[in-house]
Protein backbone atom coordinates (compact mmCIF):
# COMPACT_ATOMS: atom_id res chain seq x y z
CA MET A 1 0.30 16.29 -6.88
CA ASP A 2 3.31 14.12 -7.25
CA LEU A 3 2.86 10.61 -6.26
CA ALA A 4 6.40 10.07 -5.63
CA THR A 5 6.85 12.85 -3.46
CA ALA A 6 3.57 11.91 -1.43
CA CYS A 7 5.56 8.28 -1.53
CA ARG A 8 8.55 9.47 -0.04
CA GLU A 9 7.00 11.60 2.55
CA ALA A 10 4.52 8.62 3.70
CA ILE A 11 7.85 6.31 4.12
CA GLU A 12 9.49 8.76 6.42
CA GLU A 13 6.58 9.23 8.26
CA ALA A 14 5.60 5.32 8.63
CA CYS A 15 9.21 4.38 9.61
CA ALA A 16 9.64 7.26 11.93
CA GLY A 17 9.30 4.63 15.07
CA GLN A 18 11.16 1.79 12.93
CA PRO A 19 14.28 3.23 11.34
CA ASN A 20 15.67 -0.07 10.55
CA SER A 21 12.77 -0.85 8.20
CA VAL A 22 12.86 1.76 5.46
CA PRO A 23 11.11 0.69 2.02
CA VAL A 24 12.88 1.15 -1.13
CA LEU A 25 11.20 3.85 -3.56
CA LYS A 26 11.60 2.91 -7.18
CA VAL A 27 10.17 5.94 -9.28
CA GLU A 28 9.60 5.56 -13.20
CA GLY A 29 8.02 8.00 -15.62
CA ASP A 30 5.64 11.09 -15.07
CA THR A 31 3.75 10.54 -11.28
CA LYS A 32 2.17 13.75 -11.67
CA GLY A 33 -1.79 13.91 -11.18
CA HIS A 34 -4.74 15.52 -10.03
CA TRP A 35 -5.68 13.57 -6.97
CA ASP A 36 -7.08 14.34 -3.46
CA SER A 37 -3.82 14.60 -1.74
CA ALA A 38 -4.70 13.81 1.77
CA ARG A 39 -6.82 10.64 0.85
CA ILE A 40 -3.83 9.77 -1.61
CA GLY A 41 -1.80 10.46 1.59
CA GLN A 42 -3.56 8.19 4.21
CA LEU A 43 -4.01 5.41 1.50
CA LEU A 44 -0.20 5.39 1.55
CA GLN A 45 0.20 5.60 5.18
CA ASN A 46 -2.24 2.22 5.21
CA LEU A 47 -0.45 0.36 3.01
CA ILE A 48 2.96 0.95 3.60
CA GLY A 49 2.17 0.58 7.45
CA ASN A 50 0.47 -2.68 6.42
CA ALA A 51 3.33 -4.08 4.56
CA LEU A 52 5.80 -2.72 7.58
CA GLN A 53 3.47 -4.66 10.16
CA HIS A 54 3.11 -7.85 8.30
CA GLY A 55 6.31 -7.89 6.57
CA ALA A 56 9.35 -10.00 7.50
CA VAL A 57 12.17 -8.18 9.06
CA SER A 58 14.71 -9.85 7.43
CA HIS A 59 13.39 -8.68 3.65
CA GLU A 60 12.76 -5.74 1.87
CA ILE A 61 9.78 -3.76 1.49
CA THR A 62 9.32 -1.97 -2.12
CA VAL A 63 7.19 0.63 -2.88
CA ALA A 64 7.20 1.49 -6.73
CA VAL A 65 5.30 4.26 -8.81
CA SER A 66 5.36 4.06 -12.55
CA GLY A 67 3.62 6.78 -14.33
CA GLY A 68 2.35 5.96 -17.90
CA GLN A 69 0.27 7.92 -20.42
CA ASN A 70 -3.14 8.22 -18.69
CA ALA A 71 -2.29 6.39 -15.48
CA VAL A 72 -0.15 6.05 -12.68
CA GLU A 73 0.49 2.63 -10.89
CA LEU A 74 1.54 2.17 -7.68
CA ARG A 75 2.88 -1.32 -6.30
CA VAL A 76 3.78 -2.20 -2.66
CA HIS A 77 5.43 -5.44 -2.34
CA ASN A 78 6.78 -7.25 0.96
CA GLU A 79 7.67 -10.58 2.04
CA GLY A 80 6.22 -12.19 4.99
CA LYS A 81 3.52 -15.14 5.40
CA PRO A 82 1.16 -15.10 2.42
CA ILE A 83 -2.43 -14.37 3.14
CA ALA A 84 -4.72 -17.31 3.07
CA GLU A 85 -6.19 -18.31 -0.52
CA ASP A 86 -9.46 -17.80 0.66
CA ALA A 87 -8.91 -14.61 2.42
CA ILE A 88 -7.88 -12.60 -0.90
CA GLY A 89 -11.65 -12.27 -1.81
CA THR A 90 -12.36 -10.46 1.63
CA ILE A 91 -9.00 -8.49 2.42
CA PHE A 92 -10.60 -5.14 1.41
CA ASP A 93 -13.72 -5.79 3.38
CA PRO A 94 -14.14 -3.53 6.46
CA LEU A 95 -13.34 -5.07 9.87
CA VAL A 96 -11.54 -8.03 8.37
CA ARG A 97 -7.82 -8.91 10.05
CA SER A 98 -5.35 -11.15 8.88
CA ILE A 99 -3.75 -13.40 11.26
CA ARG A 100 -0.15 -14.03 10.97
CA GLU A 101 1.22 -16.42 13.09
CA GLU A 102 5.07 -16.84 12.06
CA SER A 103 7.64 -14.72 14.25
CA ASP A 104 9.61 -13.16 11.44
CA THR A 105 6.77 -10.37 11.28
CA GLN A 106 7.50 -6.95 12.60
CA SER A 107 5.25 -6.83 15.20
CA THR A 108 1.73 -7.84 16.15
CA SER A 109 -1.60 -6.71 14.94
CA THR A 110 -3.62 -3.95 16.61
CA SER A 111 -5.91 -2.96 13.78
CA LEU A 112 -9.48 -2.66 13.57
CA GLY A 113 -9.43 -4.12 10.10
CA LEU A 114 -9.99 -0.90 8.28
CA GLY A 115 -6.91 0.22 6.95
CA LEU A 116 -7.14 -2.07 3.46
CA PHE A 117 -10.88 -1.23 3.30
CA ILE A 118 -9.96 2.76 3.68
CA VAL A 119 -7.34 1.96 0.54
CA LYS A 120 -10.17 0.30 -1.59
CA GLU A 121 -12.69 3.07 -0.82
CA VAL A 122 -9.91 5.88 -1.74
CA VAL A 123 -8.97 4.15 -5.12
CA ASN A 124 -12.65 3.80 -6.13
CA ALA A 125 -13.17 7.56 -5.20
CA HIS A 126 -10.34 8.13 -7.66
CA SER A 127 -11.70 5.88 -10.03
CA GLY A 128 -8.73 3.39 -10.08
CA SER A 129 -8.61 -0.05 -9.54
CA ILE A 130 -6.64 -2.18 -6.96
CA THR A 131 -5.63 -5.71 -7.08
CA VAL A 132 -3.64 -7.91 -4.70
CA SER A 133 -1.24 -10.84 -5.31
CA ARG A 134 0.09 -13.50 -3.11
CA PRO A 135 2.98 -15.22 -5.02
CA SER A 136 4.74 -17.67 -2.51
CA ARG A 137 5.76 -15.96 0.58
CA SER A 138 5.19 -12.28 -0.38
CA ILE A 139 2.18 -9.95 -0.88
CA ARG A 140 1.73 -7.33 -3.72
CA ALA A 141 -0.81 -4.54 -3.65
CA TRP A 142 -1.28 -2.67 -6.91
CA ASP A 143 -3.11 0.77 -7.04
CA ARG A 144 -3.70 2.04 -10.74
CA LEU A 145 -4.99 5.84 -10.70
CA LEU A 146 -5.93 7.70 -13.38
CA MET A 147 -3.77 10.64 -13.75
CA SER A 148 -6.73 13.01 -14.48
CA SER A 149 -8.89 11.69 -11.18
CA LEU A 150 -9.63 14.14 -8.93
CA VAL A 151 -12.59 13.70 -6.01
CA GLN A 152 -14.84 16.69 -5.28
CA ALA A 153 -15.10 17.86 -2.13
């Protein structure tokens, strides 16, 4: 599968109801690999949906896919109220929700707190890794997926 193509499709789907909030997709290198396309689609929907939901309306969301020699890296970046320092360690735990109080976010949360947990589980199932950083007012999530990873059904 081609992760760049999957990102384009996920962006289209996630933005169907939010035409004024279309993330910018940046692609570099070979983004093809052997992954479970349904699970990767779910991962993309969760990451992009999270960025749209929690990002500041006035700032751009970037989805970047970069292919290297043995792996493909996916980065989702949005501007908004930063995740609390003490929440970084639990952000991928199940049933954890981030409370955001600023009015510049795109919508209020109705989530169950499973989206980023599912993302982490999909990444782990593909022998990848995921990290989050919180520079000042932005959130960056990185997924690194091995090109040869394939989940057996």
